[in-house]
Amino acid sequence: MADAPRYLLRPAALADLPGLERLAGASAIGISSLPADREALRERIVRSQRSFADGDEPDAHYLFVLEDRQQAGALVGTGGIAARAGAGDRFYSYRNEFTVHASPALGVRNRIHTLHLCHDLTGATVLTGFHIDPAHEDGPGAQLLSRGRLLFIASFPERFTDRIVSEHPGLADESGACPFWDAVGRRFFHLDYPAAERLASGQGRAFLAELLPQSPIYVPLLDEATQWALGQLHPVAERPFSILLDEGFDADTWLNVFDGGPTMEARLPMLKTARRLRSVGVLPPAPRAARGGHATHLAAGRRLQHWRATLLALDATAPAVALRDDEAALLGLAVGDSLCVAALDGPDGT
């Protein structure tokens, strides 16, 4: 007998507020898009609901939750998508560059690592606020939470841009000490790292240009601990980072302006999920044993405001699939509907 789908990824609803509060309370410092504040979380949900309802929402942000169906639908993860980074403001990052200083007279040529404050990523689509219960981070739930958002973007490309970015928290401890922020940002803002993150979460990043230096930061002038921290991941970011790296994201160019963590970037058409995406029809229910040995796929319906995604074992080549009653009910589908699918592993379709 085949097992029922365990995980469900769906848009957040106001009824999810207690579960999101619990997840936010357990999230690491630096996950500013998942604030441990009930009213702020409520506003995130309401804004997400507006975004799903209105394709012209100027500050569209989609918030998703991950259910564990084996735990009576308990929320075990959350993640979002900001349709446009900055949304009318500027989205600041540091850009890694190398500057050459040379003296022919002395026979010296140095290639120096520099950081340049920039807003090059403004307007890109951003994957935000990934958080999953540690008990689920190494399993298929993390795959669904991370790649499922890419499936959503690829299914409704008119709502997003082809340029996708994802910031990942850098090194910081439980007290809020952050090597990069303490060495750079704190000298100009006189705020600790958690306070700066909260400020950015509530007001955006425009204030950064007002106080951060516009000249390049010469990395060799930073202390060794700060240099080592550049581009390093907070432990909670290792799993989502590895998934997106496998998808085709690059992590060499940009750094988070607060903690120096890596900011990943990719073009949607180059991502595995986008390349493997195809639409299939839904057939009447099939016997539970009909899919032995089939590959695991991301699977979701095409109704925007009732969008739901899960993981199903499907024939990678079939033009239509027979969903069991429990699978069809979980995704809100009926015979004759269309199903968007993308294999987790296998040929990229290119």
Protein backbone atom coordinates (compact mmCIF):
# COMPACT_ATOMS: atom_id res chain seq x y z
CA MET A 1 0.00 0.00 0.00
CA ALA A 2 1.37 3.41 -0.94
CA ASP A 3 1.72 6.02 1.78
CA ALA A 4 -0.34 9.20 1.71
CA PRO A 5 1.68 12.38 1.00
CA ARG A 6 3.28 13.52 4.23
CA TYR A 7 4.00 17.19 3.52
CA LEU A 8 1.85 19.97 2.11
CA LEU A 9 3.08 23.43 1.09
CA ARG A 10 0.34 26.06 0.88
CA PRO A 11 -0.30 29.80 1.31
CA ALA A 12 -0.40 31.01 4.91
CA ALA A 13 -3.78 31.84 6.47
CA LEU A 14 -4.67 33.80 9.60
CA ALA A 15 -5.45 30.50 11.33
CA ASP A 16 -1.72 29.72 11.01
CA LEU A 17 -0.74 32.61 13.28
CA PRO A 18 -0.09 30.49 16.42
CA GLY A 19 2.04 28.04 14.43
CA LEU A 20 4.00 30.86 12.81
CA GLU A 21 4.56 32.46 16.22
CA ARG A 22 6.05 29.20 17.43
CA LEU A 23 8.33 28.93 14.38
CA ALA A 24 9.36 32.59 14.67
CA GLY A 25 10.21 32.16 18.33
CA ALA A 26 12.56 29.32 17.43
CA SER A 27 14.14 31.04 14.41
CA ALA A 28 17.72 32.26 14.44
CA ILE A 29 18.75 35.88 14.73
CA GLY A 30 18.96 37.27 11.21
CA ILE A 31 15.69 35.84 9.89
CA SER A 32 14.17 39.33 9.84
CA SER A 33 11.31 38.34 7.55
CA LEU A 34 10.02 36.00 10.27
CA PRO A 35 9.66 38.38 13.23
CA ALA A 36 8.75 37.00 16.64
CA ASP A 37 5.93 39.53 16.93
CA ARG A 38 2.26 38.58 16.61
CA GLU A 39 1.08 41.76 14.89
CA ALA A 40 4.02 41.80 12.49
CA LEU A 41 3.30 38.19 11.57
CA ARG A 42 -0.39 38.99 11.12
CA GLU A 43 0.56 41.78 8.70
CA ARG A 44 2.79 39.35 6.78
CA ILE A 45 -0.18 37.00 6.36
CA VAL A 46 -2.58 39.77 5.33
CA ARG A 47 -0.08 41.15 2.83
CA SER A 48 0.40 37.66 1.41
CA GLN A 49 -3.35 37.23 1.03
CA ARG A 50 -3.53 40.54 -0.85
CA SER A 51 -0.69 39.41 -3.09
CA PHE A 52 -2.43 36.17 -4.02
CA ALA A 53 -5.66 38.06 -4.72
CA ASP A 54 -4.17 40.94 -6.75
CA GLY A 55 -1.56 40.50 -9.46
CA ASP A 56 -0.88 44.25 -9.39
CA GLU A 57 -0.05 44.43 -5.67
CA PRO A 58 2.93 46.88 -5.64
CA ASP A 59 4.62 45.25 -2.65
CA ALA A 60 3.68 41.64 -3.39
CA HIS A 61 4.99 39.14 -0.87
CA TYR A 62 3.81 35.54 -0.77
CA LEU A 63 4.01 33.64 2.51
CA PHE A 64 3.84 29.83 2.58
CA VAL A 65 3.61 27.27 5.35
CA LEU A 66 4.68 23.63 5.40
CA GLU A 67 2.34 21.11 7.04
CA ASP A 68 3.28 17.69 8.35
CA ARG A 69 0.20 15.60 7.63
CA GLN A 70 1.48 12.86 9.93
CA GLN A 71 1.26 15.34 12.81
CA ALA A 72 -2.35 16.37 12.16
CA GLY A 73 -1.27 19.18 9.86
CA ALA A 74 1.16 20.79 12.32
CA LEU A 75 3.20 23.64 10.85
CA VAL A 76 6.83 22.58 10.61
CA GLY A 77 8.19 25.21 8.22
CA THR A 78 7.62 28.50 6.46
CA GLY A 79 9.13 30.52 3.63
CA GLY A 80 8.21 33.44 1.43
CA ILE A 81 8.72 35.12 -1.91
CA ALA A 82 9.09 38.88 -2.41
CA ALA A 83 8.10 39.56 -6.00
CA ARG A 84 10.44 42.58 -6.27
CA ALA A 85 13.39 43.30 -3.98
CA GLY A 86 13.12 46.81 -2.60
CA ALA A 87 9.53 47.32 -3.86
CA GLY A 88 9.87 51.04 -4.50
CA ASP A 89 13.03 51.37 -2.40
CA ARG A 90 16.61 50.22 -2.90
CA PHE A 91 17.80 46.76 -1.89
CA TYR A 92 21.39 47.04 -0.70
CA SER A 93 24.11 44.40 -0.75
CA TYR A 94 27.87 44.25 -0.82
CA ARG A 95 29.41 43.18 -4.13
CA ASN A 96 32.66 41.21 -4.02
CA GLU A 97 35.32 42.72 -6.28
CA PHE A 98 39.07 42.58 -6.62
CA THR A 99 41.13 45.72 -7.17
CA VAL A 100 44.68 45.63 -8.50
CA HIS A 101 47.28 47.98 -7.01
CA ALA A 102 50.63 47.92 -8.77
CA SER A 103 53.92 49.79 -8.70
CA PRO A 104 56.20 49.04 -11.67
CA ALA A 105 59.00 50.93 -9.95
CA LEU A 106 58.89 48.62 -6.94
CA GLY A 107 57.91 45.53 -8.89
CA VAL A 108 54.86 45.07 -6.66
CA ARG A 109 51.41 44.02 -7.86
CA ASN A 110 48.67 43.31 -5.32
CA ARG A 111 45.18 41.99 -6.04
CA ILE A 112 43.04 43.24 -3.18
CA HIS A 113 39.61 41.94 -2.17
CA THR A 114 37.14 44.82 -1.80
CA LEU A 115 33.47 45.13 -0.88
CA HIS A 116 31.31 47.68 -2.71
CA LEU A 117 27.97 48.85 -1.33
CA CYS A 118 25.48 48.60 -4.18
CA HIS A 119 21.81 48.19 -5.02
CA ASP A 120 22.33 46.02 -8.10
CA LEU A 121 19.80 43.44 -6.89
CA THR A 122 16.95 45.92 -6.57
CA GLY A 123 13.91 44.64 -8.43
CA ALA A 124 14.90 40.97 -8.38
CA THR A 125 12.58 38.32 -6.96
CA VAL A 126 13.71 37.25 -3.48
CA LEU A 127 13.22 33.97 -1.62
CA THR A 128 12.66 35.05 1.98
CA GLY A 129 12.36 33.74 5.50
CA PHE A 130 13.13 30.03 5.10
CA HIS A 131 12.66 28.27 8.42
CA ILE A 132 12.02 24.62 9.13
CA ASP A 133 11.79 22.63 12.33
CA PRO A 134 15.21 21.00 12.85
CA ALA A 135 13.54 17.57 13.03
CA HIS A 136 12.55 17.97 9.36
CA GLU A 137 15.51 19.83 7.84
CA ASP A 138 17.27 16.75 6.45
CA GLY A 139 14.20 15.16 4.92
CA PRO A 140 11.89 15.74 1.97
CA GLY A 141 10.02 18.53 3.77
CA ALA A 142 12.98 20.88 3.32
CA GLN A 143 13.09 20.03 -0.38
CA LEU A 144 9.40 20.84 -0.76
CA LEU A 145 9.67 24.09 1.18
CA SER A 146 12.66 25.32 -0.80
CA ARG A 147 12.03 23.99 -4.31
CA GLY A 148 8.25 24.31 -4.00
CA ARG A 149 8.61 28.10 -4.02
CA LEU A 150 10.61 27.84 -7.23
CA LEU A 151 7.82 25.69 -8.68
CA PHE A 152 5.36 28.45 -7.76
CA ILE A 153 7.50 31.14 -9.44
CA ALA A 154 7.96 29.02 -12.57
CA SER A 155 4.21 28.28 -12.69
CA PHE A 156 3.24 31.97 -12.51
CA PRO A 157 6.20 33.76 -14.14
CA GLU A 158 4.18 36.86 -14.99
CA ARG A 159 4.17 37.76 -11.27
CA PHE A 160 7.95 37.60 -10.85
CA THR A 161 11.24 38.39 -12.54
CA ASP A 162 13.68 35.99 -14.18
CA ARG A 163 16.33 37.05 -11.67
CA ILE A 164 15.97 35.17 -8.37
CA VAL A 165 18.04 35.92 -5.27
CA SER A 166 18.17 34.44 -1.80
CA GLU A 167 19.95 35.90 1.22
CA HIS A 168 21.34 33.46 3.77
CA PRO A 169 22.21 34.49 7.33
CA GLY A 170 25.87 34.80 8.16
CA LEU A 171 27.65 34.06 11.40
CA ALA A 172 26.01 35.36 14.58
CA ASP A 173 25.66 33.87 18.03
CA GLU A 174 22.60 33.62 20.28
CA SER A 175 23.49 36.87 22.05
CA GLY A 176 23.40 38.79 18.76
CA ALA A 177 27.15 39.18 18.32
CA CYS A 178 27.95 39.20 14.60
CA PRO A 179 31.59 39.51 13.45
CA PHE A 180 30.85 41.37 10.22
CA TRP A 181 28.26 43.76 11.62
CA ASP A 182 30.33 44.50 14.71
CA ALA A 183 33.38 45.30 12.56
CA VAL A 184 31.59 47.38 9.91
CA GLY A 185 27.95 48.37 10.35
CA ARG A 186 28.00 48.99 14.08
CA ARG A 187 30.72 51.62 13.68
CA PHE A 188 28.33 53.76 11.63
CA PHE A 189 24.93 53.00 13.17
CA HIS A 190 25.70 52.46 16.87
CA LEU A 191 23.18 49.62 16.85
CA ASP A 192 23.73 45.97 17.64
CA TYR A 193 23.00 43.39 14.95
CA PRO A 194 19.51 42.31 16.13
CA ALA A 195 18.40 45.96 16.36
CA ALA A 196 19.67 46.69 12.84
CA GLU A 197 17.84 43.65 11.47
CA ARG A 198 14.61 44.73 13.16
CA LEU A 199 15.01 48.24 11.74
CA ALA A 200 15.49 46.86 8.23
CA SER A 201 12.51 44.57 8.64
CA GLY A 202 10.24 47.46 9.55
CA GLN A 203 11.62 50.29 7.41
CA GLY A 204 13.45 48.71 4.49
CA ARG A 205 17.08 49.36 3.64
CA ALA A 206 17.09 52.95 2.43
CA PHE A 207 18.66 54.09 5.70
CA LEU A 208 21.79 52.09 4.88
CA ALA A 209 22.83 54.53 2.16
CA GLU A 210 22.54 57.40 4.62
CA LEU A 211 25.22 56.13 6.98
CA LEU A 212 27.27 53.32 5.44
CA PRO A 213 30.43 54.42 3.60
CA GLN A 214 30.12 54.71 -0.16
CA SER A 215 33.82 53.97 -0.68
CA PRO A 216 34.95 50.36 -1.05
CA ILE A 217 35.83 48.40 2.07
CA TYR A 218 39.31 46.93 1.75
CA VAL A 219 38.96 43.45 3.21
CA PRO A 220 42.63 43.11 4.32
CA LEU A 221 42.04 46.05 6.68
CA LEU A 222 39.44 44.06 8.59
CA ASP A 223 40.55 41.84 11.46
CA GLU A 224 41.18 38.20 10.66
CA ALA A 225 38.04 36.92 12.40
CA THR A 226 35.87 39.25 10.32
CA GLN A 227 37.66 38.32 7.10
CA TRP A 228 37.09 34.65 7.85
CA ALA A 229 33.39 35.29 8.52
CA LEU A 230 32.76 36.78 5.06
CA GLY A 231 30.49 34.49 3.08
CA GLN A 232 30.20 31.99 5.94
CA LEU A 233 26.82 30.48 6.77
CA HIS A 234 24.93 30.43 10.02
CA PRO A 235 24.30 26.72 10.78
CA VAL A 236 20.53 27.12 10.20
CA ALA A 237 21.25 28.23 6.62
CA GLU A 238 23.30 25.22 5.56
CA ARG A 239 20.36 23.09 4.39
CA PRO A 240 18.51 25.70 2.27
CA PHE A 241 21.84 26.90 0.89
CA SER A 242 22.80 23.40 -0.27
CA ILE A 243 19.39 22.86 -1.91
CA LEU A 244 19.61 26.11 -3.88
CA LEU A 245 23.22 25.42 -4.83
CA ASP A 246 22.04 22.12 -6.30
CA GLU A 247 19.25 24.00 -8.12
CA GLY A 248 21.82 26.12 -9.94
CA PHE A 249 22.23 29.23 -7.78
CA ASP A 250 25.58 31.03 -7.63
CA ALA A 251 26.97 32.37 -4.34
CA ASP A 252 30.21 34.12 -5.31
CA THR A 253 29.23 37.73 -6.02
CA TRP A 254 27.05 39.19 -3.26
CA LEU A 255 27.11 39.44 0.54
CA ASN A 256 24.38 40.36 2.98
CA VAL A 257 24.93 43.96 4.01
CA PHE A 258 24.27 43.21 7.69
CA ASP A 259 26.01 39.94 8.54
CA GLY A 260 28.23 39.22 5.52
CA GLY A 261 26.39 35.98 4.73
CA PRO A 262 26.19 34.85 1.10
CA THR A 263 23.46 36.15 -1.19
CA MET A 264 22.71 33.63 -3.94
CA GLU A 265 21.57 34.56 -7.43
CA ALA A 266 20.21 32.66 -10.43
CA ARG A 267 18.20 33.11 -13.59
CA LEU A 268 14.88 31.29 -13.45
CA PRO A 269 15.22 29.50 -16.83
CA MET A 270 18.52 27.98 -15.65
CA LEU A 271 17.14 26.39 -12.48
CA LYS A 272 16.50 22.65 -12.35
CA THR A 273 12.92 23.00 -11.19
CA ALA A 274 12.08 25.46 -13.97
CA ARG A 275 13.74 23.30 -16.62
CA ARG A 276 11.94 20.17 -15.45
CA LEU A 277 8.54 21.82 -15.10
CA ARG A 278 5.75 20.34 -17.22
CA SER A 279 1.97 20.23 -17.15
CA VAL A 280 0.08 16.94 -17.04
CA GLY A 281 -3.59 16.02 -16.91
CA VAL A 282 -5.35 14.40 -13.97
CA LEU A 283 -6.91 10.98 -14.61
CA PRO A 284 -9.38 9.01 -12.47
CA PRO A 285 -7.98 7.30 -9.35
CA ALA A 286 -5.57 4.41 -9.82
CA PRO A 287 -4.72 1.49 -7.53
CA ARG A 288 -2.38 2.38 -4.68
CA ALA A 289 0.34 0.07 -5.95
CA ALA A 290 0.47 1.52 -9.46
CA ARG A 291 3.52 3.74 -9.00
CA GLY A 292 6.25 1.51 -7.67
CA GLY A 293 9.72 2.73 -8.59
CA HIS A 294 8.59 6.06 -10.02
CA ALA A 295 10.64 9.20 -9.33
CA THR A 296 9.63 11.75 -6.70
CA HIS A 297 8.15 14.92 -8.17
CA LEU A 298 7.08 18.30 -6.91
CA ALA A 299 3.39 18.50 -7.78
CA ALA A 300 0.93 21.40 -7.57
CA GLY A 301 -2.32 22.58 -9.08
CA ARG A 302 -2.63 25.63 -11.31
CA ARG A 303 -5.24 27.59 -9.33
CA LEU A 304 -3.37 30.58 -7.92
CA GLN A 305 -5.47 31.36 -4.87
CA HIS A 306 -5.92 27.69 -3.99
CA TRP A 307 -2.35 26.68 -4.78
CA ARG A 308 -1.04 23.64 -2.93
CA ALA A 309 2.07 21.55 -3.49
CA THR A 310 3.28 18.18 -2.28
CA LEU A 311 5.68 15.40 -3.27
CA LEU A 312 4.38 12.50 -5.37
CA ALA A 313 5.93 9.46 -7.03
CA LEU A 314 5.05 9.88 -10.72
CA ASP A 315 5.98 8.59 -14.16
CA ALA A 316 8.39 11.22 -15.50
CA THR A 317 7.20 10.80 -19.09
CA ALA A 318 3.43 10.29 -18.84
CA PRO A 319 1.21 13.06 -20.32
CA ALA A 320 -1.38 12.44 -17.60
CA VAL A 321 -1.35 10.93 -14.12
CA ALA A 322 -3.94 9.04 -12.09
CA LEU A 323 -4.13 10.62 -8.65
CA ARG A 324 -5.48 8.70 -5.69
CA ASP A 325 -8.48 10.21 -3.94
CA ASP A 326 -6.37 11.38 -0.98
CA GLU A 327 -3.81 13.01 -3.27
CA ALA A 328 -6.44 14.79 -5.36
CA ALA A 329 -8.20 16.02 -2.22
CA LEU A 330 -4.94 17.27 -0.72
CA LEU A 331 -4.18 19.35 -3.82
CA GLY A 332 -7.79 20.36 -4.43
CA LEU A 333 -7.88 18.75 -7.88
CA ALA A 334 -10.46 16.86 -9.91
CA VAL A 335 -10.32 14.64 -12.98
CA GLY A 336 -9.53 16.78 -16.03
CA ASP A 337 -7.59 19.44 -14.10
CA SER A 338 -3.97 20.29 -14.90
CA LEU A 339 -1.11 19.43 -12.58
CA CYS A 340 2.31 21.15 -12.61
CA VAL A 341 5.10 18.67 -11.90
CA ALA A 342 8.89 18.78 -11.72
CA ALA A 343 11.14 15.85 -10.87
CA LEU A 344 13.40 16.30 -7.85
CA ASP A 345 16.07 14.21 -9.57
CA GLY A 346 16.56 13.15 -13.15
CA PRO A 347 16.81 14.68 -16.62
CA ASP A 348 16.50 18.46 -16.79
CA GLY A 349 14.46 18.47 -19.95
CA THR A 350 17.01 20.57 -21.82
